[in-house]
Amino acid sequence: MSMNGNWLRVSPDELARAATDLDWAHRLARTARDSGSERWTGIDKAWNGLDFLLDRLGFEIPLVLGAESFVELPDVEPDSEEMFDFLANLEDDWGYGPPSYLTPDQVAAAAAQLATLTEDDLIRGVDPTELYRAEIYPGTWERPGELEWVAHYLPDVREFFAAAAKEGDAVICWLD
């Protein structure tokens, strides 16, 4: 089973409801994904590579994994047994841990930064072994074309965040 990155555009009112009812938000996300709605998009297994490449460029908004949490996480190391136990006990269907989100202001800031970023900008000067050494999922960076595979998602990501910003939407982020 692979780990895939997902985003769902939601209005501020829908975000407020999601904060109190993640089951409702999950149903909304599944419906949007299953119907091919423009409110949902995914970047498959490229999520960690995109996150790494954006971070490498000094991208200010953590758009792949979100900046805000719906669930208060314990103050323990991210890869600790305590964190794994906490996440295992969460009752949700989101996949790999609880979703997070970007506020409408964060979405607008991300869209502005993405607007001028090209696929070439994203991967220029990157040695694939950097991603391998950093243990970036899915770990297939030695294969030719892997960086280009991540970069090919950029136009859709740019379009998704531009549309969300234009509508004043927030974005729910999750891995499944």
N, C-alpha and C. Protein backbone atom coordinates (compact mmCIF):
# COMPACT_ATOMS: atom_id res chain seq x y z
N MET A 1 0.84 -1.18 0.00
CA MET A 1 0.00 0.00 0.00
C MET A 1 0.88 1.24 0.00
N SER A 2 0.52 2.20 -0.81
CA SER A 2 1.33 3.41 -0.89
C SER A 2 0.71 4.53 -0.07
N MET A 3 1.51 5.53 0.18
CA MET A 3 1.10 6.70 0.94
C MET A 3 0.92 7.84 -0.06
N ASN A 4 -0.28 8.42 -0.12
CA ASN A 4 -0.60 9.43 -1.11
C ASN A 4 -1.01 10.75 -0.46
N GLY A 5 -0.55 11.86 -1.04
CA GLY A 5 -0.90 13.18 -0.55
C GLY A 5 -2.20 13.68 -1.15
N ASN A 6 -3.04 14.31 -0.32
CA ASN A 6 -4.35 14.79 -0.74
C ASN A 6 -4.62 16.18 -0.20
N TRP A 7 -5.43 16.95 -0.97
CA TRP A 7 -5.90 18.26 -0.53
C TRP A 7 -7.37 18.40 -0.85
N LEU A 8 -8.09 19.06 0.04
CA LEU A 8 -9.50 19.37 -0.17
C LEU A 8 -9.72 20.84 0.12
N ARG A 9 -10.26 21.55 -0.87
CA ARG A 9 -10.64 22.95 -0.67
C ARG A 9 -11.94 22.99 0.11
N VAL A 10 -11.98 23.83 1.14
CA VAL A 10 -13.20 24.00 1.94
C VAL A 10 -13.40 25.49 2.23
N SER A 11 -14.64 25.88 2.34
CA SER A 11 -14.95 27.26 2.72
C SER A 11 -14.60 27.45 4.19
N PRO A 12 -14.48 28.69 4.65
CA PRO A 12 -14.24 28.92 6.08
C PRO A 12 -15.31 28.27 6.97
N ASP A 13 -16.57 28.30 6.53
CA ASP A 13 -17.63 27.65 7.31
C ASP A 13 -17.44 26.14 7.36
N GLU A 14 -17.05 25.55 6.23
CA GLU A 14 -16.79 24.11 6.21
C GLU A 14 -15.58 23.76 7.06
N LEU A 15 -14.58 24.62 7.07
CA LEU A 15 -13.42 24.38 7.92
C LEU A 15 -13.83 24.39 9.39
N ALA A 16 -14.67 25.34 9.76
CA ALA A 16 -15.15 25.41 11.15
C ALA A 16 -15.91 24.13 11.51
N ARG A 17 -16.73 23.64 10.61
CA ARG A 17 -17.46 22.41 10.88
C ARG A 17 -16.50 21.22 10.97
N ALA A 18 -15.51 21.18 10.08
CA ALA A 18 -14.53 20.09 10.11
C ALA A 18 -13.79 20.04 11.44
N ALA A 19 -13.54 21.20 12.00
CA ALA A 19 -12.82 21.26 13.29
C ALA A 19 -13.59 20.58 14.40
N THR A 20 -14.90 20.51 14.27
CA THR A 20 -15.71 19.87 15.30
C THR A 20 -16.26 18.51 14.88
N ASP A 21 -16.09 18.16 13.60
CA ASP A 21 -16.65 16.91 13.10
C ASP A 21 -15.78 16.37 11.96
N LEU A 22 -14.67 15.73 12.33
CA LEU A 22 -13.76 15.20 11.32
C LEU A 22 -14.38 14.06 10.51
N ASP A 23 -15.34 13.34 11.09
CA ASP A 23 -16.02 12.30 10.32
C ASP A 23 -16.79 12.92 9.15
N TRP A 24 -17.48 14.03 9.42
CA TRP A 24 -18.18 14.74 8.35
C TRP A 24 -17.19 15.20 7.29
N ALA A 25 -16.07 15.76 7.72
CA ALA A 25 -15.06 16.25 6.78
C ALA A 25 -14.50 15.11 5.94
N HIS A 26 -14.33 13.95 6.56
CA HIS A 26 -13.82 12.80 5.81
C HIS A 26 -14.82 12.36 4.75
N ARG A 27 -16.09 12.36 5.08
CA ARG A 27 -17.12 12.01 4.09
C ARG A 27 -17.11 13.03 2.95
N LEU A 28 -16.97 14.31 3.29
CA LEU A 28 -16.90 15.37 2.29
C LEU A 28 -15.69 15.15 1.37
N ALA A 29 -14.56 14.82 1.95
CA ALA A 29 -13.33 14.58 1.18
C ALA A 29 -13.49 13.38 0.26
N ARG A 30 -14.03 12.29 0.78
CA ARG A 30 -14.21 11.09 -0.06
C ARG A 30 -15.17 11.35 -1.20
N THR A 31 -16.24 12.08 -0.92
CA THR A 31 -17.21 12.40 -1.96
C THR A 31 -16.56 13.25 -3.05
N ALA A 32 -15.80 14.25 -2.64
CA ALA A 32 -15.11 15.12 -3.61
C ALA A 32 -14.12 14.33 -4.45
N ARG A 33 -13.35 13.47 -3.80
CA ARG A 33 -12.38 12.65 -4.53
C ARG A 33 -13.08 11.68 -5.49
N ASP A 34 -14.08 10.98 -4.98
CA ASP A 34 -14.75 9.96 -5.79
C ASP A 34 -15.53 10.55 -6.96
N SER A 35 -15.97 11.79 -6.83
CA SER A 35 -16.73 12.42 -7.91
C SER A 35 -15.85 13.21 -8.87
N GLY A 36 -14.55 13.28 -8.59
CA GLY A 36 -13.64 14.04 -9.44
C GLY A 36 -13.84 15.54 -9.31
N SER A 37 -14.31 15.98 -8.17
CA SER A 37 -14.55 17.40 -7.92
C SER A 37 -13.26 18.21 -8.01
N GLU A 38 -13.38 19.44 -8.49
CA GLU A 38 -12.23 20.35 -8.53
C GLU A 38 -11.82 20.77 -7.12
N ARG A 39 -12.64 20.48 -6.13
CA ARG A 39 -12.31 20.83 -4.75
C ARG A 39 -11.27 19.88 -4.14
N TRP A 40 -11.02 18.75 -4.80
CA TRP A 40 -10.02 17.78 -4.32
C TRP A 40 -8.93 17.63 -5.36
N THR A 41 -7.72 17.44 -4.88
CA THR A 41 -6.64 17.00 -5.76
C THR A 41 -5.66 16.18 -4.93
N GLY A 42 -4.91 15.38 -5.62
CA GLY A 42 -3.92 14.56 -4.96
C GLY A 42 -2.62 14.56 -5.75
N ILE A 43 -1.55 14.23 -5.05
CA ILE A 43 -0.25 14.17 -5.71
C ILE A 43 0.41 12.81 -5.51
N ASP A 44 -0.43 11.82 -5.32
CA ASP A 44 0.04 10.44 -5.22
C ASP A 44 1.21 10.32 -4.25
N LYS A 45 2.19 9.51 -4.64
CA LYS A 45 3.37 9.28 -3.79
C LYS A 45 4.40 10.39 -3.88
N ALA A 46 4.12 11.43 -4.66
CA ALA A 46 5.07 12.53 -4.83
C ALA A 46 5.05 13.52 -3.67
N TRP A 47 4.16 13.34 -2.71
CA TRP A 47 3.97 14.33 -1.64
C TRP A 47 5.25 14.65 -0.89
N ASN A 48 6.01 13.64 -0.50
CA ASN A 48 7.20 13.87 0.31
C ASN A 48 8.31 14.51 -0.52
N GLY A 49 8.42 14.10 -1.78
CA GLY A 49 9.39 14.72 -2.68
C GLY A 49 9.07 16.19 -2.91
N LEU A 50 7.78 16.50 -3.15
CA LEU A 50 7.39 17.89 -3.35
C LEU A 50 7.65 18.71 -2.09
N ASP A 51 7.33 18.15 -0.95
CA ASP A 51 7.58 18.85 0.32
C ASP A 51 9.07 19.15 0.48
N PHE A 52 9.91 18.17 0.20
CA PHE A 52 11.36 18.33 0.30
C PHE A 52 11.85 19.42 -0.66
N LEU A 53 11.40 19.36 -1.90
CA LEU A 53 11.86 20.31 -2.91
C LEU A 53 11.39 21.74 -2.60
N LEU A 54 10.17 21.89 -2.14
CA LEU A 54 9.69 23.22 -1.76
C LEU A 54 10.44 23.76 -0.56
N ASP A 55 10.68 22.90 0.42
CA ASP A 55 11.44 23.31 1.61
C ASP A 55 12.85 23.72 1.22
N ARG A 56 13.44 22.99 0.31
CA ARG A 56 14.80 23.29 -0.17
C ARG A 56 14.87 24.68 -0.80
N LEU A 57 13.75 25.11 -1.41
CA LEU A 57 13.69 26.43 -2.03
C LEU A 57 13.31 27.53 -1.04
N GLY A 58 13.10 27.17 0.21
CA GLY A 58 12.73 28.15 1.22
C GLY A 58 11.25 28.50 1.20
N PHE A 59 10.43 27.60 0.65
CA PHE A 59 8.99 27.83 0.60
C PHE A 59 8.47 28.00 2.02
N GLU A 60 7.73 29.06 2.26
CA GLU A 60 7.34 29.44 3.62
C GLU A 60 6.14 28.68 4.17
N ILE A 61 5.25 28.23 3.32
CA ILE A 61 4.01 27.58 3.75
C ILE A 61 4.16 26.06 3.58
N PRO A 62 3.91 25.28 4.65
CA PRO A 62 4.00 23.82 4.53
C PRO A 62 2.75 23.26 3.85
N LEU A 63 2.64 23.49 2.56
CA LEU A 63 1.39 23.19 1.88
C LEU A 63 1.11 21.71 1.73
N VAL A 64 2.11 20.87 1.77
CA VAL A 64 1.88 19.44 1.59
C VAL A 64 1.22 18.83 2.82
N LEU A 65 1.73 19.14 3.99
CA LEU A 65 1.21 18.53 5.21
C LEU A 65 0.37 19.47 6.06
N GLY A 66 0.26 20.72 5.65
CA GLY A 66 -0.56 21.67 6.39
C GLY A 66 0.19 22.29 7.55
N ALA A 67 -0.30 23.43 7.98
CA ALA A 67 0.35 24.18 9.05
C ALA A 67 -0.40 24.10 10.37
N GLU A 68 -1.69 23.81 10.29
CA GLU A 68 -2.53 23.81 11.48
C GLU A 68 -3.07 22.40 11.70
N SER A 69 -3.22 22.03 12.96
CA SER A 69 -3.68 20.69 13.29
C SER A 69 -5.12 20.72 13.82
N PHE A 70 -5.90 19.75 13.41
CA PHE A 70 -7.23 19.56 13.97
C PHE A 70 -7.16 18.87 15.32
N VAL A 71 -6.08 18.14 15.55
CA VAL A 71 -5.91 17.32 16.75
C VAL A 71 -4.67 17.80 17.48
N GLU A 72 -4.78 18.00 18.78
CA GLU A 72 -3.61 18.39 19.56
C GLU A 72 -2.73 17.17 19.75
N LEU A 73 -1.54 17.24 19.18
CA LEU A 73 -0.61 16.13 19.26
C LEU A 73 0.17 16.20 20.57
N PRO A 74 0.55 15.05 21.11
CA PRO A 74 1.33 15.06 22.35
C PRO A 74 2.72 15.66 22.11
N ASP A 75 3.30 16.18 23.14
CA ASP A 75 4.62 16.80 23.05
C ASP A 75 5.70 15.72 23.21
N VAL A 76 5.84 14.91 22.15
CA VAL A 76 6.84 13.84 22.12
C VAL A 76 7.52 13.86 20.77
N GLU A 77 8.60 13.13 20.63
CA GLU A 77 9.32 13.05 19.36
C GLU A 77 8.40 12.48 18.28
N PRO A 78 8.44 13.04 17.08
CA PRO A 78 7.53 12.58 16.01
C PRO A 78 7.63 11.08 15.70
N ASP A 79 8.82 10.50 15.77
CA ASP A 79 8.98 9.08 15.45
C ASP A 79 9.03 8.18 16.68
N SER A 80 8.56 8.67 17.82
CA SER A 80 8.64 7.90 19.06
C SER A 80 7.51 6.89 19.18
N GLU A 81 7.69 5.91 20.05
CA GLU A 81 6.64 4.93 20.34
C GLU A 81 5.39 5.63 20.85
N GLU A 82 5.59 6.66 21.67
CA GLU A 82 4.44 7.39 22.22
C GLU A 82 3.60 8.02 21.11
N MET A 83 4.27 8.59 20.10
CA MET A 83 3.53 9.20 19.00
C MET A 83 2.83 8.14 18.18
N PHE A 84 3.51 7.02 17.90
CA PHE A 84 2.87 5.96 17.14
C PHE A 84 1.65 5.40 17.89
N ASP A 85 1.78 5.24 19.21
CA ASP A 85 0.64 4.77 20.01
C ASP A 85 -0.50 5.76 19.98
N PHE A 86 -0.18 7.05 20.09
CA PHE A 86 -1.21 8.09 20.05
C PHE A 86 -1.96 8.05 18.72
N LEU A 87 -1.22 8.00 17.62
CA LEU A 87 -1.84 8.00 16.30
C LEU A 87 -2.65 6.73 16.06
N ALA A 88 -2.17 5.60 16.58
CA ALA A 88 -2.88 4.34 16.40
C ALA A 88 -4.22 4.34 17.13
N ASN A 89 -4.32 5.11 18.20
CA ASN A 89 -5.54 5.15 18.98
C ASN A 89 -6.55 6.18 18.50
N LEU A 90 -6.18 6.99 17.52
CA LEU A 90 -7.13 7.95 16.98
C LEU A 90 -8.20 7.20 16.20
N GLU A 91 -9.43 7.60 16.38
CA GLU A 91 -10.52 6.97 15.65
C GLU A 91 -10.86 7.83 14.44
N ASP A 92 -10.19 7.57 13.34
CA ASP A 92 -10.51 8.27 12.10
C ASP A 92 -10.15 7.39 10.92
N ASP A 93 -10.63 7.77 9.78
CA ASP A 93 -10.39 7.00 8.56
C ASP A 93 -9.51 7.75 7.58
N TRP A 94 -8.78 8.73 8.04
CA TRP A 94 -8.04 9.59 7.13
C TRP A 94 -6.80 8.92 6.54
N GLY A 95 -6.35 7.87 7.11
CA GLY A 95 -5.16 7.21 6.57
C GLY A 95 -4.02 7.25 7.56
N TYR A 96 -2.98 7.97 7.20
CA TYR A 96 -1.76 8.02 8.01
C TYR A 96 -1.80 9.20 8.96
N GLY A 97 -2.58 9.10 10.00
CA GLY A 97 -2.67 10.16 10.99
C GLY A 97 -3.77 11.15 10.66
N PRO A 98 -4.02 12.05 11.58
CA PRO A 98 -5.11 13.00 11.39
C PRO A 98 -4.77 14.03 10.31
N PRO A 99 -5.79 14.60 9.69
CA PRO A 99 -5.54 15.65 8.70
C PRO A 99 -5.10 16.92 9.39
N SER A 100 -4.56 17.82 8.62
CA SER A 100 -4.24 19.16 9.09
C SER A 100 -4.82 20.12 8.06
N TYR A 101 -4.52 21.39 8.19
CA TYR A 101 -5.11 22.33 7.24
C TYR A 101 -4.29 23.59 7.11
N LEU A 102 -4.63 24.32 6.06
CA LEU A 102 -4.09 25.65 5.82
C LEU A 102 -5.26 26.62 5.87
N THR A 103 -5.09 27.73 6.56
CA THR A 103 -6.13 28.75 6.63
C THR A 103 -6.25 29.46 5.28
N PRO A 104 -7.33 30.18 5.06
CA PRO A 104 -7.42 30.94 3.81
C PRO A 104 -6.23 31.88 3.58
N ASP A 105 -5.72 32.52 4.64
CA ASP A 105 -4.56 33.39 4.49
C ASP A 105 -3.32 32.60 4.09
N GLN A 106 -3.13 31.43 4.67
CA GLN A 106 -1.99 30.58 4.32
C GLN A 106 -2.12 30.07 2.88
N VAL A 107 -3.34 29.74 2.48
CA VAL A 107 -3.58 29.30 1.10
C VAL A 107 -3.22 30.42 0.13
N ALA A 108 -3.64 31.64 0.45
CA ALA A 108 -3.34 32.78 -0.42
C ALA A 108 -1.83 33.01 -0.51
N ALA A 109 -1.14 32.89 0.62
CA ALA A 109 0.32 33.07 0.60
C ALA A 109 0.99 31.97 -0.21
N ALA A 110 0.52 30.73 -0.06
CA ALA A 110 1.08 29.61 -0.83
C ALA A 110 0.83 29.82 -2.31
N ALA A 111 -0.37 30.24 -2.67
CA ALA A 111 -0.70 30.47 -4.08
C ALA A 111 0.19 31.55 -4.67
N ALA A 112 0.46 32.59 -3.91
CA ALA A 112 1.32 33.67 -4.40
C ALA A 112 2.74 33.16 -4.64
N GLN A 113 3.25 32.34 -3.73
CA GLN A 113 4.60 31.78 -3.92
C GLN A 113 4.64 30.80 -5.08
N LEU A 114 3.61 30.01 -5.24
CA LEU A 114 3.57 29.03 -6.32
C LEU A 114 3.43 29.68 -7.69
N ALA A 115 2.81 30.84 -7.74
CA ALA A 115 2.49 31.49 -9.01
C ALA A 115 3.70 31.69 -9.91
N THR A 116 4.85 31.94 -9.33
CA THR A 116 6.04 32.21 -10.13
C THR A 116 7.00 31.03 -10.21
N LEU A 117 6.68 29.94 -9.54
CA LEU A 117 7.56 28.78 -9.49
C LEU A 117 7.33 27.89 -10.70
N THR A 118 8.41 27.53 -11.37
CA THR A 118 8.31 26.63 -12.53
C THR A 118 8.80 25.24 -12.14
N GLU A 119 8.48 24.28 -13.00
CA GLU A 119 8.96 22.92 -12.79
C GLU A 119 10.49 22.89 -12.77
N ASP A 120 11.11 23.66 -13.66
CA ASP A 120 12.57 23.72 -13.69
C ASP A 120 13.12 24.32 -12.40
N ASP A 121 12.47 25.38 -11.90
CA ASP A 121 12.91 25.98 -10.63
C ASP A 121 12.91 24.94 -9.51
N LEU A 122 11.88 24.10 -9.52
CA LEU A 122 11.69 23.12 -8.45
C LEU A 122 12.83 22.11 -8.38
N ILE A 123 13.36 21.71 -9.53
CA ILE A 123 14.36 20.64 -9.53
C ILE A 123 15.76 21.08 -9.97
N ARG A 124 15.91 22.33 -10.36
CA ARG A 124 17.22 22.81 -10.82
C ARG A 124 18.27 22.61 -9.73
N GLY A 125 19.37 21.97 -10.11
CA GLY A 125 20.50 21.79 -9.21
C GLY A 125 20.30 20.73 -8.14
N VAL A 126 19.21 19.99 -8.21
CA VAL A 126 18.95 18.95 -7.20
C VAL A 126 19.60 17.66 -7.62
N ASP A 127 20.37 17.08 -6.72
CA ASP A 127 20.95 15.77 -6.93
C ASP A 127 19.99 14.76 -6.30
N PRO A 128 19.50 13.79 -7.05
CA PRO A 128 18.55 12.82 -6.49
C PRO A 128 19.06 12.11 -5.24
N THR A 129 20.39 12.03 -5.09
CA THR A 129 20.90 11.38 -3.88
C THR A 129 20.58 12.20 -2.63
N GLU A 130 20.32 13.51 -2.79
CA GLU A 130 19.89 14.32 -1.63
C GLU A 130 18.59 13.76 -1.06
N LEU A 131 17.66 13.42 -1.93
CA LEU A 131 16.38 12.88 -1.48
C LEU A 131 16.56 11.49 -0.89
N TYR A 132 17.43 10.71 -1.50
CA TYR A 132 17.71 9.37 -0.99
C TYR A 132 18.32 9.45 0.42
N ARG A 133 19.33 10.32 0.58
CA ARG A 133 19.98 10.47 1.89
C ARG A 133 19.02 10.99 2.95
N ALA A 134 18.08 11.83 2.55
CA ALA A 134 17.10 12.39 3.49
C ALA A 134 15.94 11.42 3.74
N GLU A 135 16.00 10.23 3.12
CA GLU A 135 14.97 9.20 3.27
C GLU A 135 13.58 9.71 2.89
N ILE A 136 13.52 10.40 1.76
CA ILE A 136 12.27 10.94 1.26
C ILE A 136 11.48 9.84 0.56
N TYR A 137 10.25 9.69 0.96
CA TYR A 137 9.35 8.70 0.38
C TYR A 137 9.07 9.06 -1.08
N PRO A 138 9.01 8.14 -2.01
CA PRO A 138 9.00 6.69 -1.85
C PRO A 138 10.36 6.02 -1.93
N GLY A 139 11.44 6.78 -1.95
CA GLY A 139 12.77 6.19 -1.89
C GLY A 139 13.27 5.60 -3.20
N THR A 140 12.72 6.02 -4.31
CA THR A 140 13.11 5.48 -5.62
C THR A 140 13.90 6.51 -6.42
N TRP A 141 14.63 7.35 -5.75
CA TRP A 141 15.28 8.51 -6.38
C TRP A 141 16.43 8.15 -7.30
N GLU A 142 16.93 6.92 -7.22
CA GLU A 142 18.03 6.52 -8.09
C GLU A 142 17.55 6.24 -9.52
N ARG A 143 16.24 6.08 -9.69
CA ARG A 143 15.70 5.82 -11.02
C ARG A 143 15.66 7.11 -11.85
N PRO A 144 16.01 7.02 -13.13
CA PRO A 144 15.94 8.21 -13.99
C PRO A 144 14.50 8.75 -14.07
N GLY A 145 14.39 10.07 -14.07
CA GLY A 145 13.10 10.70 -14.25
C GLY A 145 12.27 10.92 -13.00
N GLU A 146 12.78 10.49 -11.84
CA GLU A 146 11.99 10.61 -10.61
C GLU A 146 11.76 12.07 -10.21
N LEU A 147 12.78 12.91 -10.33
CA LEU A 147 12.60 14.33 -9.99
C LEU A 147 11.59 14.98 -10.94
N GLU A 148 11.68 14.64 -12.21
CA GLU A 148 10.74 15.18 -13.19
C GLU A 148 9.32 14.71 -12.90
N TRP A 149 9.19 13.48 -12.41
CA TRP A 149 7.89 12.94 -12.02
C TRP A 149 7.26 13.79 -10.92
N VAL A 150 8.04 14.16 -9.91
CA VAL A 150 7.52 15.04 -8.86
C VAL A 150 7.17 16.40 -9.45
N ALA A 151 8.06 16.96 -10.25
CA ALA A 151 7.86 18.30 -10.81
C ALA A 151 6.63 18.37 -11.72
N HIS A 152 6.26 17.27 -12.34
CA HIS A 152 5.12 17.31 -13.27
C HIS A 152 3.80 17.61 -12.54
N TYR A 153 3.76 17.46 -11.23
CA TYR A 153 2.57 17.78 -10.46
C TYR A 153 2.41 19.29 -10.23
N LEU A 154 3.50 20.02 -10.37
CA LEU A 154 3.49 21.44 -10.01
C LEU A 154 2.42 22.26 -10.72
N PRO A 155 2.20 22.15 -12.02
CA PRO A 155 1.15 22.96 -12.65
C PRO A 155 -0.24 22.73 -12.03
N ASP A 156 -0.58 21.49 -11.74
CA ASP A 156 -1.87 21.20 -11.11
C ASP A 156 -1.93 21.75 -9.68
N VAL A 157 -0.84 21.63 -8.95
CA VAL A 157 -0.78 22.17 -7.60
C VAL A 157 -0.96 23.68 -7.64
N ARG A 158 -0.25 24.32 -8.54
CA ARG A 158 -0.35 25.78 -8.69
C ARG A 158 -1.79 26.19 -9.01
N GLU A 159 -2.43 25.48 -9.93
CA GLU A 159 -3.81 25.78 -10.33
C GLU A 159 -4.78 25.55 -9.16
N PHE A 160 -4.60 24.46 -8.43
CA PHE A 160 -5.47 24.14 -7.30
C PHE A 160 -5.40 25.23 -6.23
N PHE A 161 -4.18 25.62 -5.86
CA PHE A 161 -4.03 26.64 -4.82
C PHE A 161 -4.47 28.02 -5.31
N ALA A 162 -4.28 28.32 -6.58
CA ALA A 162 -4.76 29.60 -7.12
C ALA A 162 -6.28 29.67 -7.04
N ALA A 163 -6.96 28.58 -7.41
CA ALA A 163 -8.42 28.55 -7.34
C ALA A 163 -8.91 28.65 -5.90
N ALA A 164 -8.23 27.95 -4.99
CA ALA A 164 -8.61 28.03 -3.58
C ALA A 164 -8.44 29.45 -3.05
N ALA A 165 -7.33 30.08 -3.39
CA ALA A 165 -7.08 31.45 -2.93
C ALA A 165 -8.12 32.41 -3.50
N LYS A 166 -8.45 32.24 -4.76
CA LYS A 166 -9.43 33.13 -5.41
C LYS A 166 -10.79 33.05 -4.71
N GLU A 167 -11.15 31.87 -4.24
CA GLU A 167 -12.45 31.67 -3.57
C GLU A 167 -12.39 31.94 -2.07
N GLY A 168 -11.20 32.22 -1.54
CA GLY A 168 -11.07 32.44 -0.10
C GLY A 168 -11.17 31.16 0.71
N ASP A 169 -10.83 30.03 0.07
CA ASP A 169 -10.94 28.73 0.72
C ASP A 169 -9.74 28.41 1.61
N ALA A 170 -10.00 27.53 2.56
CA ALA A 170 -8.95 26.86 3.32
C ALA A 170 -8.68 25.54 2.60
N VAL A 171 -7.64 24.82 3.00
CA VAL A 171 -7.33 23.53 2.40
C VAL A 171 -7.02 22.53 3.50
N ILE A 172 -7.74 21.41 3.47
CA ILE A 172 -7.46 20.30 4.37
C ILE A 172 -6.42 19.40 3.69
N CYS A 173 -5.41 18.99 4.45
CA CYS A 173 -4.28 18.21 3.92
C CYS A 173 -4.21 16.88 4.66
N TRP A 174 -4.01 15.77 3.94
CA TRP A 174 -3.84 14.49 4.60
C TRP A 174 -3.14 13.49 3.71
N LEU A 175 -2.65 12.44 4.35
CA LEU A 175 -2.01 11.33 3.65
C LEU A 175 -2.88 10.09 3.82
N ASP A 176 -3.12 9.39 2.72
CA ASP A 176 -3.82 8.11 2.85
C ASP A 176 -3.21 7.08 1.93
